[in-house]
Amino acid sequence: MPEFTPRQNAVLEQALKLLVSGGEKALTTSGLARAANCSKESLYKWFGDRDGLLAAMIAYQASKVRTAERSGGRLTADLLREHLEVFGRDLLEVLSGDVSLALNRLAVGQASREGSKLGTLLIEHGRRQIDRRAIGLMDAGRRAGLLRFEDADSAYHTLYGLIVSDLHVRMLLGEPGLKDNARQAKKAVAAFLVLHGLDTNSEGGN
């Protein structure tokens, strides 16, 4: 996952706002330079061409889905549950946001257009980056003796399905998102741990 400077993050936020408010046509180098109060030269230096800018926008969005990975220290059942719930809540909040919905609707609209790269960019710099970090957390859970599964990818897609279900499709079609993402994430993680958890209780009991 690329790391952006605070200034670059601010520019990417402006780019995402332009996309949501005006669609693809509003996302021009000149328009973004004006909105973000920076030079076009800086945009080219930071992000390269238009595809590079779109990839950076998508990666920035994906970075908002945290896996709350911690270096060092023992991973306990309570911590693992907490990390998975943070991931689920963030995932739902990002997917239901105006930015992600706009990007996905735009990609679907361009799917049959020859030469369109947005769908591929969304997969490569968005979904796969999120998947990779979440699977890393699940592998850590297995190494700590807290999760059991033969295939991490399959187990992860079970977790993803429990969290998202058909909600994303319904939101893309215009339904409002959930009122309580945290509750949905908690329920999904509880169901996932029934399937794949080895020790889902804290040391002192819940």
N, C-alpha and C. Protein backbone atom coordinates (compact mmCIF):
# COMPACT_ATOMS: atom_id res chain seq x y z
N MET A 1 0.85 -1.18 0.00
CA MET A 1 0.00 0.00 0.00
C MET A 1 0.89 1.24 0.00
N PRO A 2 0.79 2.11 -0.98
CA PRO A 2 1.65 3.29 -1.01
C PRO A 2 1.33 4.23 0.14
N GLU A 3 2.35 4.95 0.60
CA GLU A 3 2.16 5.94 1.65
C GLU A 3 2.22 7.32 1.03
N PHE A 4 1.22 8.13 1.30
CA PHE A 4 1.16 9.48 0.76
C PHE A 4 1.46 10.48 1.86
N THR A 5 2.00 11.62 1.47
CA THR A 5 2.24 12.69 2.42
C THR A 5 0.90 13.35 2.77
N PRO A 6 0.84 14.09 3.87
CA PRO A 6 -0.40 14.81 4.20
C PRO A 6 -0.86 15.72 3.06
N ARG A 7 0.07 16.36 2.37
CA ARG A 7 -0.30 17.23 1.26
C ARG A 7 -0.91 16.42 0.11
N GLN A 8 -0.31 15.28 -0.20
CA GLN A 8 -0.84 14.43 -1.26
C GLN A 8 -2.21 13.87 -0.87
N ASN A 9 -2.38 13.53 0.41
CA ASN A 9 -3.70 13.06 0.87
C ASN A 9 -4.76 14.13 0.67
N ALA A 10 -4.40 15.38 0.96
CA ALA A 10 -5.36 16.48 0.78
C ALA A 10 -5.74 16.64 -0.69
N VAL A 11 -4.76 16.48 -1.57
CA VAL A 11 -5.04 16.57 -3.01
C VAL A 11 -5.94 15.42 -3.45
N LEU A 12 -5.68 14.23 -2.95
CA LEU A 12 -6.51 13.08 -3.31
C LEU A 12 -7.93 13.24 -2.80
N GLU A 13 -8.09 13.83 -1.63
CA GLU A 13 -9.44 14.11 -1.11
C GLU A 13 -10.18 15.05 -2.06
N GLN A 14 -9.49 16.07 -2.55
CA GLN A 14 -10.10 17.00 -3.50
C GLN A 14 -10.47 16.29 -4.80
N ALA A 15 -9.59 15.41 -5.25
CA ALA A 15 -9.86 14.66 -6.48
C ALA A 15 -11.11 13.80 -6.32
N LEU A 16 -11.25 13.16 -5.17
CA LEU A 16 -12.42 12.33 -4.91
C LEU A 16 -13.69 13.17 -4.83
N LYS A 17 -13.60 14.36 -4.25
CA LYS A 17 -14.76 15.25 -4.17
C LYS A 17 -15.19 15.69 -5.58
N LEU A 18 -14.21 15.99 -6.42
CA LEU A 18 -14.52 16.37 -7.80
C LEU A 18 -15.24 15.24 -8.53
N LEU A 19 -14.76 14.03 -8.33
CA LEU A 19 -15.36 12.87 -8.99
C LEU A 19 -16.81 12.68 -8.54
N VAL A 20 -17.05 12.80 -7.24
CA VAL A 20 -18.40 12.59 -6.71
C VAL A 20 -19.34 13.69 -7.18
N SER A 21 -18.87 14.94 -7.16
CA SER A 21 -19.75 16.06 -7.47
C SER A 21 -19.98 16.25 -8.96
N GLY A 22 -18.96 15.94 -9.77
CA GLY A 22 -19.09 16.23 -11.20
C GLY A 22 -18.87 15.07 -12.14
N GLY A 23 -18.59 13.90 -11.61
CA GLY A 23 -18.35 12.75 -12.47
C GLY A 23 -16.97 12.79 -13.10
N GLU A 24 -16.75 11.86 -14.01
CA GLU A 24 -15.43 11.70 -14.62
C GLU A 24 -14.98 12.96 -15.35
N LYS A 25 -15.91 13.67 -15.98
CA LYS A 25 -15.54 14.86 -16.75
C LYS A 25 -14.99 15.97 -15.87
N ALA A 26 -15.38 15.99 -14.62
CA ALA A 26 -14.90 17.03 -13.70
C ALA A 26 -13.48 16.77 -13.23
N LEU A 27 -13.02 15.54 -13.39
CA LEU A 27 -11.69 15.17 -12.89
C LEU A 27 -10.64 15.45 -13.96
N THR A 28 -10.28 16.71 -14.11
CA THR A 28 -9.24 17.12 -15.04
C THR A 28 -8.04 17.62 -14.25
N THR A 29 -6.88 17.61 -14.88
CA THR A 29 -5.68 18.09 -14.21
C THR A 29 -5.82 19.56 -13.82
N SER A 30 -6.36 20.34 -14.74
CA SER A 30 -6.52 21.76 -14.45
C SER A 30 -7.52 21.99 -13.33
N GLY A 31 -8.64 21.27 -13.38
CA GLY A 31 -9.66 21.42 -12.34
C GLY A 31 -9.15 21.00 -10.98
N LEU A 32 -8.40 19.90 -10.93
CA LEU A 32 -7.86 19.43 -9.66
C LEU A 32 -6.81 20.39 -9.13
N ALA A 33 -5.96 20.91 -10.02
CA ALA A 33 -4.93 21.86 -9.58
C ALA A 33 -5.58 23.09 -8.94
N ARG A 34 -6.67 23.56 -9.54
CA ARG A 34 -7.38 24.71 -8.96
C ARG A 34 -8.01 24.36 -7.63
N ALA A 35 -8.70 23.23 -7.59
CA ALA A 35 -9.41 22.84 -6.37
C ALA A 35 -8.46 22.57 -5.21
N ALA A 36 -7.30 22.00 -5.53
CA ALA A 36 -6.34 21.62 -4.49
C ALA A 36 -5.27 22.69 -4.26
N ASN A 37 -5.34 23.78 -5.03
CA ASN A 37 -4.38 24.87 -4.89
C ASN A 37 -2.94 24.38 -5.04
N CYS A 38 -2.72 23.65 -6.13
CA CYS A 38 -1.36 23.18 -6.42
C CYS A 38 -1.13 23.30 -7.92
N SER A 39 0.08 23.05 -8.35
CA SER A 39 0.40 23.15 -9.77
C SER A 39 0.15 21.83 -10.48
N LYS A 40 -0.10 21.93 -11.78
CA LYS A 40 -0.24 20.71 -12.58
C LYS A 40 1.06 19.92 -12.58
N GLU A 41 2.17 20.63 -12.51
CA GLU A 41 3.47 19.96 -12.48
C GLU A 41 3.59 19.07 -11.25
N SER A 42 3.08 19.56 -10.12
CA SER A 42 3.13 18.76 -8.89
C SER A 42 2.28 17.49 -9.03
N LEU A 43 1.13 17.64 -9.69
CA LEU A 43 0.25 16.48 -9.88
C LEU A 43 0.94 15.42 -10.73
N TYR A 44 1.60 15.85 -11.80
CA TYR A 44 2.30 14.89 -12.65
C TYR A 44 3.47 14.25 -11.90
N LYS A 45 4.14 15.04 -11.09
CA LYS A 45 5.29 14.52 -10.33
C LYS A 45 4.84 13.47 -9.32
N TRP A 46 3.72 13.74 -8.65
CA TRP A 46 3.25 12.85 -7.59
C TRP A 46 2.56 11.60 -8.12
N PHE A 47 1.73 11.79 -9.15
CA PHE A 47 0.84 10.70 -9.57
C PHE A 47 1.01 10.24 -11.01
N GLY A 48 1.79 10.97 -11.80
CA GLY A 48 1.97 10.58 -13.19
C GLY A 48 0.77 10.96 -14.03
N ASP A 49 0.35 10.05 -14.91
CA ASP A 49 -0.76 10.34 -15.83
C ASP A 49 -2.10 10.14 -15.14
N ARG A 50 -3.17 10.21 -15.91
CA ARG A 50 -4.53 10.10 -15.37
C ARG A 50 -4.75 8.74 -14.69
N ASP A 51 -4.25 7.67 -15.29
CA ASP A 51 -4.40 6.36 -14.67
C ASP A 51 -3.66 6.31 -13.34
N GLY A 52 -2.52 6.97 -13.28
CA GLY A 52 -1.77 7.02 -12.03
C GLY A 52 -2.53 7.76 -10.95
N LEU A 53 -3.20 8.84 -11.35
CA LEU A 53 -4.01 9.59 -10.39
C LEU A 53 -5.18 8.74 -9.90
N LEU A 54 -5.86 8.07 -10.82
CA LEU A 54 -6.98 7.21 -10.43
C LEU A 54 -6.51 6.09 -9.50
N ALA A 55 -5.36 5.49 -9.82
CA ALA A 55 -4.82 4.42 -8.97
C ALA A 55 -4.52 4.94 -7.57
N ALA A 56 -3.96 6.16 -7.49
CA ALA A 56 -3.66 6.75 -6.19
C ALA A 56 -4.93 7.05 -5.41
N MET A 57 -5.97 7.54 -6.11
CA MET A 57 -7.25 7.81 -5.46
C MET A 57 -7.84 6.53 -4.88
N ILE A 58 -7.77 5.45 -5.65
CA ILE A 58 -8.32 4.17 -5.21
C ILE A 58 -7.52 3.61 -4.03
N ALA A 59 -6.19 3.70 -4.13
CA ALA A 59 -5.34 3.21 -3.04
C ALA A 59 -5.58 4.00 -1.76
N TYR A 60 -5.78 5.30 -1.91
CA TYR A 60 -6.07 6.14 -0.75
C TYR A 60 -7.38 5.73 -0.10
N GLN A 61 -8.39 5.46 -0.91
CA GLN A 61 -9.66 4.98 -0.38
C GLN A 61 -9.48 3.64 0.34
N ALA A 62 -8.72 2.74 -0.28
CA ALA A 62 -8.51 1.42 0.31
C ALA A 62 -7.79 1.51 1.65
N SER A 63 -6.92 2.52 1.80
CA SER A 63 -6.16 2.65 3.04
C SER A 63 -7.05 3.01 4.23
N LYS A 64 -8.28 3.44 3.96
CA LYS A 64 -9.21 3.78 5.04
C LYS A 64 -9.80 2.53 5.70
N VAL A 65 -9.62 1.39 5.07
CA VAL A 65 -10.07 0.13 5.66
C VAL A 65 -8.91 -0.44 6.46
N ARG A 66 -9.00 -0.33 7.78
CA ARG A 66 -7.90 -0.74 8.64
C ARG A 66 -8.02 -2.21 9.04
N THR A 67 -6.85 -2.83 9.23
CA THR A 67 -6.85 -4.16 9.83
C THR A 67 -6.30 -4.10 11.24
N ALA A 68 -5.89 -2.91 11.68
CA ALA A 68 -5.43 -2.70 13.05
C ALA A 68 -4.34 -3.69 13.44
N GLU A 69 -3.45 -3.97 12.49
CA GLU A 69 -2.36 -4.89 12.78
C GLU A 69 -1.38 -4.23 13.75
N ARG A 70 -0.90 -4.98 14.69
CA ARG A 70 0.06 -4.45 15.66
C ARG A 70 1.33 -5.28 15.61
N SER A 71 2.44 -4.60 15.65
CA SER A 71 3.72 -5.31 15.64
C SER A 71 4.12 -5.61 17.08
N GLY A 72 4.64 -6.80 17.29
CA GLY A 72 5.05 -7.19 18.62
C GLY A 72 3.86 -7.49 19.52
N GLY A 73 4.14 -8.13 20.63
CA GLY A 73 3.06 -8.45 21.55
C GLY A 73 2.27 -9.67 21.09
N ARG A 74 1.60 -10.28 22.05
CA ARG A 74 0.86 -11.50 21.78
C ARG A 74 -0.53 -11.17 21.27
N LEU A 75 -0.93 -11.83 20.20
CA LEU A 75 -2.27 -11.65 19.66
C LEU A 75 -3.22 -12.55 20.45
N THR A 76 -4.14 -11.95 21.16
CA THR A 76 -5.10 -12.71 21.95
C THR A 76 -6.41 -12.82 21.19
N ALA A 77 -7.31 -13.64 21.72
CA ALA A 77 -8.61 -13.81 21.09
C ALA A 77 -9.38 -12.49 21.08
N ASP A 78 -9.30 -11.75 22.19
CA ASP A 78 -10.01 -10.47 22.26
C ASP A 78 -9.45 -9.48 21.25
N LEU A 79 -8.13 -9.44 21.13
CA LEU A 79 -7.52 -8.51 20.17
C LEU A 79 -7.88 -8.89 18.74
N LEU A 80 -7.84 -10.16 18.44
CA LEU A 80 -8.19 -10.60 17.10
C LEU A 80 -9.63 -10.22 16.76
N ARG A 81 -10.54 -10.47 17.69
CA ARG A 81 -11.93 -10.10 17.47
C ARG A 81 -12.05 -8.59 17.24
N GLU A 82 -11.35 -7.82 18.04
CA GLU A 82 -11.38 -6.36 17.89
C GLU A 82 -10.87 -5.94 16.52
N HIS A 83 -9.74 -6.53 16.08
CA HIS A 83 -9.17 -6.18 14.78
C HIS A 83 -10.13 -6.53 13.64
N LEU A 84 -10.74 -7.70 13.73
CA LEU A 84 -11.66 -8.12 12.69
C LEU A 84 -12.90 -7.23 12.65
N GLU A 85 -13.38 -6.81 13.82
CA GLU A 85 -14.54 -5.93 13.86
C GLU A 85 -14.20 -4.54 13.31
N VAL A 86 -13.00 -4.05 13.60
CA VAL A 86 -12.56 -2.77 13.02
C VAL A 86 -12.52 -2.87 11.50
N PHE A 87 -11.97 -3.96 11.01
CA PHE A 87 -11.93 -4.19 9.57
C PHE A 87 -13.33 -4.20 8.98
N GLY A 88 -14.24 -4.94 9.59
CA GLY A 88 -15.60 -5.04 9.07
C GLY A 88 -16.31 -3.69 9.07
N ARG A 89 -16.17 -2.95 10.15
CA ARG A 89 -16.82 -1.64 10.23
C ARG A 89 -16.26 -0.68 9.19
N ASP A 90 -14.94 -0.64 9.08
CA ASP A 90 -14.31 0.23 8.09
C ASP A 90 -14.72 -0.15 6.67
N LEU A 91 -14.75 -1.45 6.41
CA LEU A 91 -15.11 -1.92 5.07
C LEU A 91 -16.51 -1.45 4.69
N LEU A 92 -17.45 -1.61 5.60
CA LEU A 92 -18.82 -1.18 5.32
C LEU A 92 -18.93 0.33 5.16
N GLU A 93 -18.18 1.07 5.98
CA GLU A 93 -18.24 2.53 5.89
C GLU A 93 -17.66 3.03 4.58
N VAL A 94 -16.57 2.41 4.14
CA VAL A 94 -15.96 2.83 2.87
C VAL A 94 -16.85 2.44 1.69
N LEU A 95 -17.33 1.19 1.69
CA LEU A 95 -18.16 0.74 0.57
C LEU A 95 -19.46 1.54 0.44
N SER A 96 -19.99 2.00 1.57
CA SER A 96 -21.26 2.72 1.53
C SER A 96 -21.09 4.22 1.30
N GLY A 97 -19.84 4.69 1.27
CA GLY A 97 -19.58 6.11 1.09
C GLY A 97 -19.80 6.57 -0.34
N ASP A 98 -20.08 7.86 -0.50
CA ASP A 98 -20.34 8.41 -1.83
C ASP A 98 -19.18 8.17 -2.79
N VAL A 99 -17.95 8.24 -2.27
CA VAL A 99 -16.78 8.11 -3.13
C VAL A 99 -16.69 6.72 -3.74
N SER A 100 -16.76 5.69 -2.90
CA SER A 100 -16.65 4.33 -3.41
C SER A 100 -17.81 3.97 -4.33
N LEU A 101 -19.01 4.41 -3.98
CA LEU A 101 -20.16 4.15 -4.83
C LEU A 101 -19.98 4.82 -6.19
N ALA A 102 -19.47 6.05 -6.20
CA ALA A 102 -19.23 6.75 -7.46
C ALA A 102 -18.19 6.04 -8.31
N LEU A 103 -17.10 5.60 -7.68
CA LEU A 103 -16.04 4.89 -8.40
C LEU A 103 -16.56 3.58 -8.99
N ASN A 104 -17.31 2.84 -8.21
CA ASN A 104 -17.82 1.56 -8.68
C ASN A 104 -18.86 1.72 -9.77
N ARG A 105 -19.75 2.70 -9.62
CA ARG A 105 -20.74 2.95 -10.67
C ARG A 105 -20.07 3.38 -11.96
N LEU A 106 -19.04 4.19 -11.84
CA LEU A 106 -18.30 4.64 -13.02
C LEU A 106 -17.62 3.46 -13.70
N ALA A 107 -17.02 2.56 -12.89
CA ALA A 107 -16.34 1.39 -13.45
C ALA A 107 -17.32 0.47 -14.15
N VAL A 108 -18.49 0.27 -13.55
CA VAL A 108 -19.51 -0.58 -14.18
C VAL A 108 -19.95 0.04 -15.50
N GLY A 109 -20.15 1.36 -15.50
CA GLY A 109 -20.57 2.04 -16.72
C GLY A 109 -19.56 1.97 -17.84
N GLN A 110 -18.29 1.82 -17.46
CA GLN A 110 -17.22 1.77 -18.46
C GLN A 110 -16.81 0.34 -18.82
N ALA A 111 -17.42 -0.63 -18.19
CA ALA A 111 -16.96 -2.02 -18.32
C ALA A 111 -16.91 -2.50 -19.76
N SER A 112 -17.85 -2.05 -20.58
CA SER A 112 -17.89 -2.50 -21.97
C SER A 112 -17.14 -1.58 -22.92
N ARG A 113 -16.53 -0.54 -22.36
CA ARG A 113 -15.81 0.42 -23.20
C ARG A 113 -14.38 -0.06 -23.44
N GLU A 114 -14.00 -0.16 -24.67
CA GLU A 114 -12.66 -0.64 -25.01
C GLU A 114 -11.61 0.33 -24.47
N GLY A 115 -10.61 -0.22 -23.82
CA GLY A 115 -9.52 0.58 -23.29
C GLY A 115 -9.75 1.13 -21.90
N SER A 116 -10.94 0.93 -21.35
CA SER A 116 -11.21 1.43 -20.00
C SER A 116 -10.44 0.60 -18.97
N LYS A 117 -9.75 1.31 -18.07
CA LYS A 117 -8.91 0.63 -17.09
C LYS A 117 -9.43 0.77 -15.66
N LEU A 118 -10.52 1.50 -15.47
CA LEU A 118 -10.95 1.81 -14.12
C LEU A 118 -11.29 0.55 -13.33
N GLY A 119 -11.99 -0.40 -13.94
CA GLY A 119 -12.32 -1.63 -13.24
C GLY A 119 -11.08 -2.38 -12.78
N THR A 120 -10.09 -2.46 -13.67
CA THR A 120 -8.84 -3.13 -13.32
C THR A 120 -8.13 -2.40 -12.20
N LEU A 121 -8.13 -1.06 -12.26
CA LEU A 121 -7.49 -0.26 -11.21
C LEU A 121 -8.17 -0.47 -9.86
N LEU A 122 -9.50 -0.55 -9.88
CA LEU A 122 -10.24 -0.78 -8.64
C LEU A 122 -9.88 -2.12 -8.02
N ILE A 123 -9.72 -3.13 -8.87
CA ILE A 123 -9.36 -4.45 -8.36
C ILE A 123 -7.93 -4.46 -7.84
N GLU A 124 -6.99 -3.95 -8.65
CA GLU A 124 -5.58 -4.03 -8.31
C GLU A 124 -5.20 -3.14 -7.12
N HIS A 125 -5.68 -1.90 -7.10
CA HIS A 125 -5.25 -0.93 -6.09
C HIS A 125 -6.25 -0.76 -4.96
N GLY A 126 -7.44 -1.33 -5.13
CA GLY A 126 -8.45 -1.24 -4.09
C GLY A 126 -8.71 -2.57 -3.43
N ARG A 127 -9.50 -3.40 -4.08
CA ARG A 127 -9.94 -4.65 -3.48
C ARG A 127 -8.77 -5.56 -3.09
N ARG A 128 -7.81 -5.73 -3.97
CA ARG A 128 -6.72 -6.67 -3.65
C ARG A 128 -5.83 -6.16 -2.51
N GLN A 129 -5.68 -4.85 -2.40
CA GLN A 129 -4.88 -4.31 -1.29
C GLN A 129 -5.60 -4.55 0.04
N ILE A 130 -6.90 -4.35 0.03
CA ILE A 130 -7.69 -4.62 1.23
C ILE A 130 -7.64 -6.11 1.57
N ASP A 131 -7.84 -6.96 0.56
CA ASP A 131 -7.81 -8.41 0.76
C ASP A 131 -6.47 -8.85 1.36
N ARG A 132 -5.39 -8.33 0.79
CA ARG A 132 -4.04 -8.76 1.22
C ARG A 132 -3.81 -8.46 2.69
N ARG A 133 -4.19 -7.28 3.14
CA ARG A 133 -3.96 -6.91 4.53
C ARG A 133 -4.85 -7.71 5.48
N ALA A 134 -6.09 -7.94 5.08
CA ALA A 134 -7.00 -8.72 5.92
C ALA A 134 -6.55 -10.17 6.03
N ILE A 135 -6.09 -10.73 4.92
CA ILE A 135 -5.60 -12.12 4.95
C ILE A 135 -4.35 -12.20 5.82
N GLY A 136 -3.52 -11.16 5.81
CA GLY A 136 -2.35 -11.13 6.69
C GLY A 136 -2.75 -11.19 8.16
N LEU A 137 -3.80 -10.48 8.50
CA LEU A 137 -4.30 -10.52 9.88
C LEU A 137 -4.82 -11.91 10.22
N MET A 138 -5.54 -12.53 9.29
CA MET A 138 -6.08 -13.86 9.54
C MET A 138 -4.96 -14.89 9.67
N ASP A 139 -3.91 -14.76 8.87
CA ASP A 139 -2.77 -15.67 8.99
C ASP A 139 -2.11 -15.52 10.37
N ALA A 140 -2.04 -14.27 10.85
CA ALA A 140 -1.49 -14.04 12.19
C ALA A 140 -2.36 -14.73 13.24
N GLY A 141 -3.68 -14.69 13.03
CA GLY A 141 -4.58 -15.38 13.95
C GLY A 141 -4.38 -16.87 13.94
N ARG A 142 -4.13 -17.42 12.77
CA ARG A 142 -3.88 -18.87 12.69
C ARG A 142 -2.56 -19.23 13.38
N ARG A 143 -1.53 -18.42 13.15
CA ARG A 143 -0.22 -18.70 13.78
C ARG A 143 -0.31 -18.62 15.30
N ALA A 144 -1.21 -17.76 15.78
CA ALA A 144 -1.38 -17.61 17.23
C ALA A 144 -2.29 -18.68 17.82
N GLY A 145 -2.78 -19.60 16.98
CA GLY A 145 -3.64 -20.66 17.46
C GLY A 145 -5.06 -20.22 17.76
N LEU A 146 -5.50 -19.14 17.11
CA LEU A 146 -6.83 -18.60 17.36
C LEU A 146 -7.81 -18.88 16.23
N LEU A 147 -7.29 -19.19 15.05
CA LEU A 147 -8.14 -19.47 13.89
C LEU A 147 -7.72 -20.78 13.26
N ARG A 148 -8.68 -21.46 12.65
CA ARG A 148 -8.36 -22.68 11.91
C ARG A 148 -8.98 -22.59 10.51
N PHE A 149 -8.18 -22.82 9.52
CA PHE A 149 -8.65 -22.90 8.13
C PHE A 149 -7.53 -23.50 7.29
N GLU A 150 -7.92 -24.16 6.22
CA GLU A 150 -6.94 -24.75 5.33
C GLU A 150 -6.47 -23.76 4.28
N ASP A 151 -7.37 -22.91 3.84
CA ASP A 151 -7.05 -21.96 2.78
C ASP A 151 -7.44 -20.56 3.25
N ALA A 152 -6.44 -19.67 3.39
CA ALA A 152 -6.69 -18.33 3.91
C ALA A 152 -7.60 -17.53 2.98
N ASP A 153 -7.43 -17.70 1.69
CA ASP A 153 -8.24 -16.94 0.74
C ASP A 153 -9.71 -17.32 0.85
N SER A 154 -9.96 -18.61 0.95
CA SER A 154 -11.34 -19.08 1.08
C SER A 154 -11.96 -18.60 2.38
N ALA A 155 -11.20 -18.69 3.47
CA ALA A 155 -11.72 -18.25 4.76
C ALA A 155 -11.98 -16.74 4.75
N TYR A 156 -11.09 -15.99 4.11
CA TYR A 156 -11.29 -14.55 4.02
C TYR A 156 -12.56 -14.21 3.25
N HIS A 157 -12.81 -14.90 2.16
CA HIS A 157 -14.01 -14.61 1.39
C HIS A 157 -15.29 -14.98 2.15
N THR A 158 -15.17 -15.95 3.05
CA THR A 158 -16.29 -16.23 3.95
C THR A 158 -16.54 -15.03 4.86
N LEU A 159 -15.48 -14.48 5.44
CA LEU A 159 -15.60 -13.30 6.29
C LEU A 159 -16.16 -12.12 5.51
N TYR A 160 -15.64 -11.90 4.32
CA TYR A 160 -16.10 -10.78 3.48
C TYR A 160 -17.59 -10.93 3.18
N GLY A 161 -17.99 -12.13 2.82
CA GLY A 161 -19.40 -12.37 2.50
C GLY A 161 -20.31 -12.15 3.70
N LEU A 162 -19.85 -12.56 4.89
CA LEU A 162 -20.65 -12.36 6.09
C LEU A 162 -20.79 -10.87 6.41
N ILE A 163 -19.75 -10.12 6.16
CA ILE A 163 -19.79 -8.68 6.45
C ILE A 163 -20.65 -7.94 5.43
N VAL A 164 -20.38 -8.16 4.16
CA VAL A 164 -20.98 -7.34 3.10
C VAL A 164 -22.29 -7.92 2.60
N SER A 165 -22.39 -9.26 2.52
CA SER A 165 -23.59 -9.91 1.99
C SER A 165 -23.92 -9.30 0.62
N ASP A 166 -25.20 -8.93 0.41
CA ASP A 166 -25.57 -8.28 -0.84
C ASP A 166 -25.73 -6.77 -0.67
N LEU A 167 -25.22 -6.26 0.46
CA LEU A 167 -25.42 -4.84 0.78
C LEU A 167 -24.81 -3.92 -0.27
N HIS A 168 -23.62 -4.28 -0.77
CA HIS A 168 -22.95 -3.39 -1.71
C HIS A 168 -23.73 -3.28 -3.02
N VAL A 169 -24.22 -4.40 -3.51
CA VAL A 169 -25.02 -4.37 -4.73
C VAL A 169 -26.26 -3.52 -4.54
N ARG A 170 -26.92 -3.69 -3.40
CA ARG A 170 -28.13 -2.91 -3.13
C ARG A 170 -27.83 -1.42 -3.03
N MET A 171 -26.70 -1.08 -2.43
CA MET A 171 -26.33 0.33 -2.33
C MET A 171 -25.99 0.91 -3.70
N LEU A 172 -25.34 0.13 -4.54
CA LEU A 172 -25.04 0.58 -5.89
C LEU A 172 -26.31 0.86 -6.67
N LEU A 173 -27.37 0.13 -6.33
CA LEU A 173 -28.66 0.32 -7.00
C LEU A 173 -29.51 1.41 -6.36
N GLY A 174 -28.95 2.05 -5.33
CA GLY A 174 -29.63 3.21 -4.76
C GLY A 174 -30.19 3.06 -3.37
N GLU A 175 -30.13 1.86 -2.80
CA GLU A 175 -30.61 1.71 -1.43
C GLU A 175 -29.64 2.38 -0.46
N PRO A 176 -30.14 2.93 0.64
CA PRO A 176 -29.24 3.55 1.63
C PRO A 176 -28.41 2.48 2.34
N GLY A 177 -27.29 2.90 2.87
CA GLY A 177 -26.45 1.98 3.61
C GLY A 177 -27.04 1.65 4.98
N LEU A 178 -26.35 0.83 5.74
CA LEU A 178 -26.82 0.45 7.07
C LEU A 178 -26.75 1.63 8.03
N LYS A 179 -27.65 1.61 9.02
CA LYS A 179 -27.61 2.65 10.04
C LYS A 179 -26.56 2.34 11.10
N ASP A 180 -26.20 1.07 11.24
CA ASP A 180 -25.27 0.66 12.29
C ASP A 180 -24.25 -0.33 11.72
N ASN A 181 -23.18 0.21 11.13
CA ASN A 181 -22.14 -0.64 10.56
C ASN A 181 -21.43 -1.45 11.63
N ALA A 182 -21.26 -0.86 12.81
CA ALA A 182 -20.55 -1.56 13.88
C ALA A 182 -21.32 -2.82 14.30
N ARG A 183 -22.63 -2.73 14.36
CA ARG A 183 -23.44 -3.90 14.75
C ARG A 183 -23.35 -5.00 13.70
N GLN A 184 -23.40 -4.62 12.43
CA GLN A 184 -23.28 -5.59 11.35
C GLN A 184 -21.92 -6.27 11.38
N ALA A 185 -20.87 -5.47 11.59
CA ALA A 185 -19.52 -6.03 11.65
C ALA A 185 -19.38 -7.00 12.81
N LYS A 186 -19.94 -6.64 13.96
CA LYS A 186 -19.85 -7.50 15.14
C LYS A 186 -20.55 -8.83 14.91
N LYS A 187 -21.75 -8.78 14.32
CA LYS A 187 -22.49 -10.00 14.02
C LYS A 187 -21.72 -10.88 13.02
N ALA A 188 -21.15 -10.26 12.00
CA ALA A 188 -20.43 -11.01 10.97
C ALA A 188 -19.20 -11.68 11.55
N VAL A 189 -18.46 -10.96 12.38
CA VAL A 189 -17.25 -11.53 12.98
C VAL A 189 -17.61 -12.66 13.94
N ALA A 190 -18.69 -12.50 14.70
CA ALA A 190 -19.13 -13.57 15.60
C ALA A 190 -19.45 -14.84 14.82
N ALA A 191 -20.14 -14.69 13.69
CA ALA A 191 -20.46 -15.85 12.86
C ALA A 191 -19.20 -16.46 12.25
N PHE A 192 -18.27 -15.61 11.85
CA PHE A 192 -17.01 -16.11 11.28
C PHE A 192 -16.23 -16.91 12.33
N LEU A 193 -16.20 -16.41 13.56
CA LEU A 193 -15.44 -17.10 14.61
C LEU A 193 -16.09 -18.42 15.01
N VAL A 194 -17.39 -18.53 14.86
CA VAL A 194 -18.05 -19.82 15.08
C VAL A 194 -17.53 -20.84 14.07
N LEU A 195 -17.32 -20.38 12.84
CA LEU A 195 -16.86 -21.27 11.77
C LEU A 195 -15.36 -21.56 11.85
N HIS A 196 -14.56 -20.55 12.19
CA HIS A 196 -13.11 -20.68 12.06
C HIS A 196 -12.33 -20.39 13.33
N GLY A 197 -12.99 -20.01 14.41
CA GLY A 197 -12.26 -19.69 15.63
C GLY A 197 -11.95 -20.91 16.47
N LEU A 198 -10.79 -20.87 17.12
CA LEU A 198 -10.41 -21.94 18.04
C LEU A 198 -10.60 -21.52 19.48
N ASP A 199 -10.42 -20.24 19.75
CA ASP A 199 -10.58 -19.74 21.11
C ASP A 199 -11.08 -18.30 21.01
N THR A 200 -12.38 -18.12 21.05
CA THR A 200 -12.94 -16.78 20.88
C THR A 200 -13.27 -16.12 22.21
N ASN A 201 -12.91 -16.75 23.33
CA ASN A 201 -13.17 -16.14 24.63
C ASN A 201 -11.90 -15.50 25.16
N SER A 202 -12.07 -14.43 25.89
CA SER A 202 -10.91 -13.81 26.54
C SER A 202 -10.42 -14.72 27.63
N GLU A 203 -9.20 -14.46 28.12
CA GLU A 203 -8.61 -15.34 29.11
C GLU A 203 -9.41 -15.37 30.42
N GLY A 204 -10.07 -14.25 30.70
CA GLY A 204 -10.84 -14.22 31.92
C GLY A 204 -12.29 -14.58 31.71
N GLY A 205 -12.68 -14.87 30.43
CA GLY A 205 -14.06 -15.20 30.13
C GLY A 205 -14.84 -13.96 29.82
N ASN A 206 -15.88 -14.08 28.98
CA ASN A 206 -16.73 -12.95 28.62
C ASN A 206 -18.08 -13.11 29.31
